[in-house]
């Protein structure tokens, strides 16, 4: 769960965005949040696995009242013997 506060955005009509970038190894990726002035980008190094983007499974990406919320769960891989 990521909750990032942007109380002083200059342009309130544009919503902040997130980007996935490659990291130094294949096991990780970089999740970068970009909002524009006066804020700089914020980046987190997370595990490089597929996201479960179903709203029923907990995915949420909203920008309300100056708070960008990104909730995600990684996809489960089920297997049988």
N, C-alpha and C. Protein backbone atom coordinates (compact mmCIF):
# COMPACT_ATOMS: atom_id res chain seq x y z
N UNK A 1 0.85 -1.18 0.00
CA UNK A 1 0.00 0.00 0.00
C UNK A 1 0.89 1.23 0.00
N UNK A 2 0.61 2.13 -0.91
CA UNK A 2 1.34 3.38 -1.01
C UNK A 2 0.34 4.53 -0.89
N UNK A 3 0.54 5.41 0.06
CA UNK A 3 -0.23 6.64 0.21
C UNK A 3 0.76 7.79 0.20
N UNK A 4 0.70 8.61 -0.84
CA UNK A 4 1.65 9.71 -0.99
C UNK A 4 0.87 11.01 -0.98
N UNK A 5 1.27 11.92 -0.11
CA UNK A 5 0.56 13.17 0.10
C UNK A 5 1.15 14.28 -0.76
N UNK A 6 0.28 14.98 -1.50
CA UNK A 6 0.66 16.11 -2.33
C UNK A 6 -0.24 17.30 -1.99
N UNK A 7 -0.05 17.95 -0.85
CA UNK A 7 -0.96 19.03 -0.47
C UNK A 7 -0.73 20.35 -1.22
N UNK A 8 0.46 20.56 -1.78
CA UNK A 8 0.79 21.85 -2.38
C UNK A 8 0.99 21.79 -3.89
N UNK A 9 0.24 20.98 -4.59
CA UNK A 9 0.37 20.91 -6.04
C UNK A 9 -0.02 22.24 -6.69
N UNK A 10 0.75 22.67 -7.66
CA UNK A 10 0.45 23.93 -8.36
C UNK A 10 -0.71 23.72 -9.32
N UNK A 11 -0.65 22.66 -10.13
CA UNK A 11 -1.71 22.35 -11.09
C UNK A 11 -2.55 21.20 -10.54
N UNK A 12 -3.68 21.52 -9.97
CA UNK A 12 -4.51 20.49 -9.34
C UNK A 12 -5.37 19.71 -10.33
N UNK A 13 -5.34 20.11 -11.61
CA UNK A 13 -6.15 19.40 -12.61
C UNK A 13 -5.45 18.14 -13.13
N UNK A 14 -4.12 18.09 -13.04
CA UNK A 14 -3.40 16.89 -13.49
C UNK A 14 -3.14 15.99 -12.29
N UNK A 15 -3.39 14.72 -12.48
CA UNK A 15 -3.18 13.76 -11.40
C UNK A 15 -1.76 13.23 -11.44
N UNK A 16 -1.18 12.92 -10.30
CA UNK A 16 0.14 12.29 -10.27
C UNK A 16 0.08 10.92 -10.94
N UNK A 17 1.20 10.48 -11.46
CA UNK A 17 1.27 9.21 -12.18
C UNK A 17 2.34 8.32 -11.57
N UNK A 18 2.23 7.02 -11.86
CA UNK A 18 3.28 6.10 -11.44
C UNK A 18 3.81 5.36 -12.66
N UNK A 19 5.09 5.00 -12.58
CA UNK A 19 5.78 4.32 -13.68
C UNK A 19 6.57 3.15 -13.12
N UNK A 20 6.66 2.08 -13.88
CA UNK A 20 7.52 0.96 -13.55
C UNK A 20 8.76 1.02 -14.43
N UNK A 21 9.93 0.89 -13.79
CA UNK A 21 11.19 0.96 -14.51
C UNK A 21 12.04 -0.24 -14.15
N UNK A 22 13.02 -0.51 -14.98
CA UNK A 22 13.94 -1.61 -14.70
C UNK A 22 14.89 -1.23 -13.57
N UNK A 23 15.25 -2.22 -12.78
CA UNK A 23 16.24 -2.01 -11.71
C UNK A 23 17.55 -2.67 -12.14
N UNK A 24 18.51 -2.72 -11.21
CA UNK A 24 19.81 -3.28 -11.52
C UNK A 24 19.78 -4.80 -11.70
N UNK A 25 18.80 -5.48 -11.12
CA UNK A 25 18.66 -6.93 -11.30
C UNK A 25 17.27 -7.23 -11.85
N UNK A 26 17.09 -8.45 -12.34
CA UNK A 26 15.79 -8.84 -12.89
C UNK A 26 14.77 -9.18 -11.82
N UNK A 27 15.22 -9.39 -10.58
CA UNK A 27 14.30 -9.75 -9.50
C UNK A 27 13.54 -8.55 -8.94
N UNK A 28 13.98 -7.35 -9.25
CA UNK A 28 13.37 -6.14 -8.71
C UNK A 28 13.03 -5.17 -9.83
N UNK A 29 12.10 -4.24 -9.55
CA UNK A 29 11.80 -3.14 -10.45
C UNK A 29 11.61 -1.89 -9.60
N UNK A 30 11.61 -0.75 -10.24
CA UNK A 30 11.49 0.52 -9.54
C UNK A 30 10.12 1.12 -9.84
N UNK A 31 9.38 1.41 -8.79
CA UNK A 31 8.08 2.05 -8.89
C UNK A 31 8.28 3.53 -8.60
N UNK A 32 8.11 4.38 -9.65
CA UNK A 32 8.39 5.81 -9.51
C UNK A 32 7.09 6.60 -9.60
N UNK A 33 6.89 7.49 -8.64
CA UNK A 33 5.73 8.38 -8.60
C UNK A 33 6.17 9.77 -9.04
N UNK A 34 5.42 10.36 -9.97
CA UNK A 34 5.75 11.68 -10.50
C UNK A 34 4.52 12.57 -10.42
N UNK A 35 4.66 13.76 -9.83
CA UNK A 35 3.51 14.65 -9.65
C UNK A 35 3.69 16.01 -10.31
N UNK A 36 4.89 16.43 -10.53
CA UNK A 36 5.12 17.76 -11.09
C UNK A 36 5.51 18.75 -10.01
N UNK A 37 5.70 20.02 -10.40
CA UNK A 37 6.16 21.02 -9.44
C UNK A 37 5.14 21.27 -8.33
N UNK A 38 5.58 21.53 -7.15
CA UNK A 38 6.94 21.72 -6.62
C UNK A 38 7.57 20.44 -6.10
N UNK A 39 7.05 19.27 -6.47
CA UNK A 39 7.53 18.01 -5.91
C UNK A 39 8.50 17.32 -6.86
N UNK A 40 9.45 16.60 -6.25
CA UNK A 40 10.35 15.76 -7.02
C UNK A 40 9.79 14.34 -7.05
N UNK A 41 10.32 13.52 -7.93
CA UNK A 41 9.85 12.15 -8.03
C UNK A 41 10.26 11.35 -6.81
N UNK A 42 9.40 10.38 -6.46
CA UNK A 42 9.67 9.46 -5.36
C UNK A 42 9.72 8.07 -5.96
N UNK A 43 10.73 7.27 -5.57
CA UNK A 43 10.90 5.94 -6.16
C UNK A 43 11.06 4.90 -5.06
N UNK A 44 10.51 3.71 -5.32
CA UNK A 44 10.61 2.58 -4.41
C UNK A 44 11.07 1.36 -5.21
N UNK A 45 11.91 0.55 -4.60
CA UNK A 45 12.37 -0.68 -5.24
C UNK A 45 11.49 -1.82 -4.72
N UNK A 46 10.77 -2.47 -5.63
CA UNK A 46 9.85 -3.54 -5.23
C UNK A 46 10.19 -4.80 -6.01
N UNK A 47 9.59 -5.91 -5.60
CA UNK A 47 9.79 -7.19 -6.25
C UNK A 47 9.17 -7.15 -7.65
N UNK A 48 9.85 -7.71 -8.60
CA UNK A 48 9.38 -7.73 -9.98
C UNK A 48 8.49 -8.96 -10.20
N UNK A 49 7.24 -8.83 -9.81
CA UNK A 49 6.25 -9.89 -10.03
C UNK A 49 5.01 -9.27 -10.63
N UNK A 50 4.18 -10.11 -11.23
CA UNK A 50 2.96 -9.63 -11.87
C UNK A 50 1.96 -9.17 -10.82
N UNK A 51 1.28 -8.05 -11.10
CA UNK A 51 0.28 -7.50 -10.19
C UNK A 51 -1.07 -8.12 -10.47
N UNK A 52 -1.86 -8.28 -9.42
CA UNK A 52 -3.24 -8.69 -9.57
C UNK A 52 -4.06 -7.41 -9.63
N UNK A 53 -4.50 -7.01 -10.83
CA UNK A 53 -5.15 -5.72 -11.02
C UNK A 53 -6.66 -5.78 -10.86
N UNK A 54 -7.18 -6.83 -10.30
CA UNK A 54 -8.62 -6.94 -10.07
C UNK A 54 -9.01 -6.09 -8.87
N UNK A 55 -10.05 -5.29 -9.02
CA UNK A 55 -10.52 -4.47 -7.91
C UNK A 55 -11.01 -5.36 -6.77
N UNK A 56 -11.52 -6.51 -7.13
CA UNK A 56 -12.00 -7.47 -6.14
C UNK A 56 -10.85 -8.02 -5.28
N UNK A 57 -9.66 -8.04 -5.84
CA UNK A 57 -8.48 -8.54 -5.12
C UNK A 57 -7.70 -7.45 -4.41
N UNK A 58 -8.19 -6.22 -4.44
CA UNK A 58 -7.57 -5.17 -3.65
C UNK A 58 -6.81 -4.12 -4.41
N UNK A 59 -6.83 -4.13 -5.76
CA UNK A 59 -6.12 -3.10 -6.51
C UNK A 59 -6.91 -1.80 -6.47
N UNK A 60 -6.19 -0.72 -6.21
CA UNK A 60 -6.83 0.60 -6.17
C UNK A 60 -5.79 1.66 -6.50
N UNK A 61 -6.15 2.57 -7.37
CA UNK A 61 -5.29 3.70 -7.69
C UNK A 61 -6.18 4.93 -7.79
N UNK A 62 -6.15 5.77 -6.77
CA UNK A 62 -7.00 6.95 -6.72
C UNK A 62 -6.19 8.17 -6.29
N UNK A 63 -6.69 9.34 -6.68
CA UNK A 63 -6.12 10.61 -6.23
C UNK A 63 -7.26 11.46 -5.73
N UNK A 64 -7.38 11.55 -4.41
CA UNK A 64 -8.47 12.30 -3.78
C UNK A 64 -7.91 13.19 -2.68
N UNK A 65 -8.35 14.43 -2.66
CA UNK A 65 -7.99 15.39 -1.60
C UNK A 65 -6.48 15.47 -1.38
N UNK A 66 -5.71 15.46 -2.47
CA UNK A 66 -4.27 15.62 -2.37
C UNK A 66 -3.51 14.38 -1.96
N UNK A 67 -4.14 13.21 -1.99
CA UNK A 67 -3.48 11.97 -1.60
C UNK A 67 -3.57 10.97 -2.75
N UNK A 68 -2.41 10.50 -3.22
CA UNK A 68 -2.37 9.45 -4.22
C UNK A 68 -2.28 8.12 -3.51
N UNK A 69 -3.25 7.25 -3.73
CA UNK A 69 -3.29 5.94 -3.10
C UNK A 69 -3.13 4.86 -4.16
N UNK A 70 -2.13 4.01 -3.97
CA UNK A 70 -1.92 2.87 -4.86
C UNK A 70 -1.85 1.63 -3.98
N UNK A 71 -2.86 0.80 -4.08
CA UNK A 71 -2.91 -0.45 -3.33
C UNK A 71 -2.80 -1.57 -4.34
N UNK A 72 -1.90 -2.52 -4.10
CA UNK A 72 -1.73 -3.62 -5.03
C UNK A 72 -1.37 -4.89 -4.28
N UNK A 73 -1.71 -6.00 -4.91
CA UNK A 73 -1.31 -7.32 -4.44
C UNK A 73 -0.64 -8.03 -5.60
N UNK A 74 0.32 -8.86 -5.27
CA UNK A 74 0.98 -9.63 -6.32
C UNK A 74 0.16 -10.86 -6.65
N UNK A 75 0.26 -11.29 -7.90
CA UNK A 75 -0.50 -12.44 -8.37
C UNK A 75 0.04 -13.71 -7.72
N UNK A 76 -0.88 -14.57 -7.30
CA UNK A 76 -0.50 -15.86 -6.73
C UNK A 76 -0.40 -16.89 -7.83
N UNK A 77 0.59 -17.73 -7.74
CA UNK A 77 0.76 -18.81 -8.71
C UNK A 77 0.44 -20.12 -8.02
N UNK A 78 -0.63 -20.73 -8.45
CA UNK A 78 -1.06 -22.00 -7.87
C UNK A 78 -0.55 -23.14 -8.74
N UNK A 79 -0.17 -24.20 -8.09
CA UNK A 79 0.31 -25.35 -8.84
C UNK A 79 -0.17 -26.62 -8.16
N UNK A 80 -0.23 -27.68 -8.94
CA UNK A 80 -0.60 -28.99 -8.41
C UNK A 80 0.57 -29.95 -8.61
N UNK A 81 0.60 -30.95 -7.77
CA UNK A 81 1.63 -31.98 -7.91
C UNK A 81 1.21 -33.01 -8.90
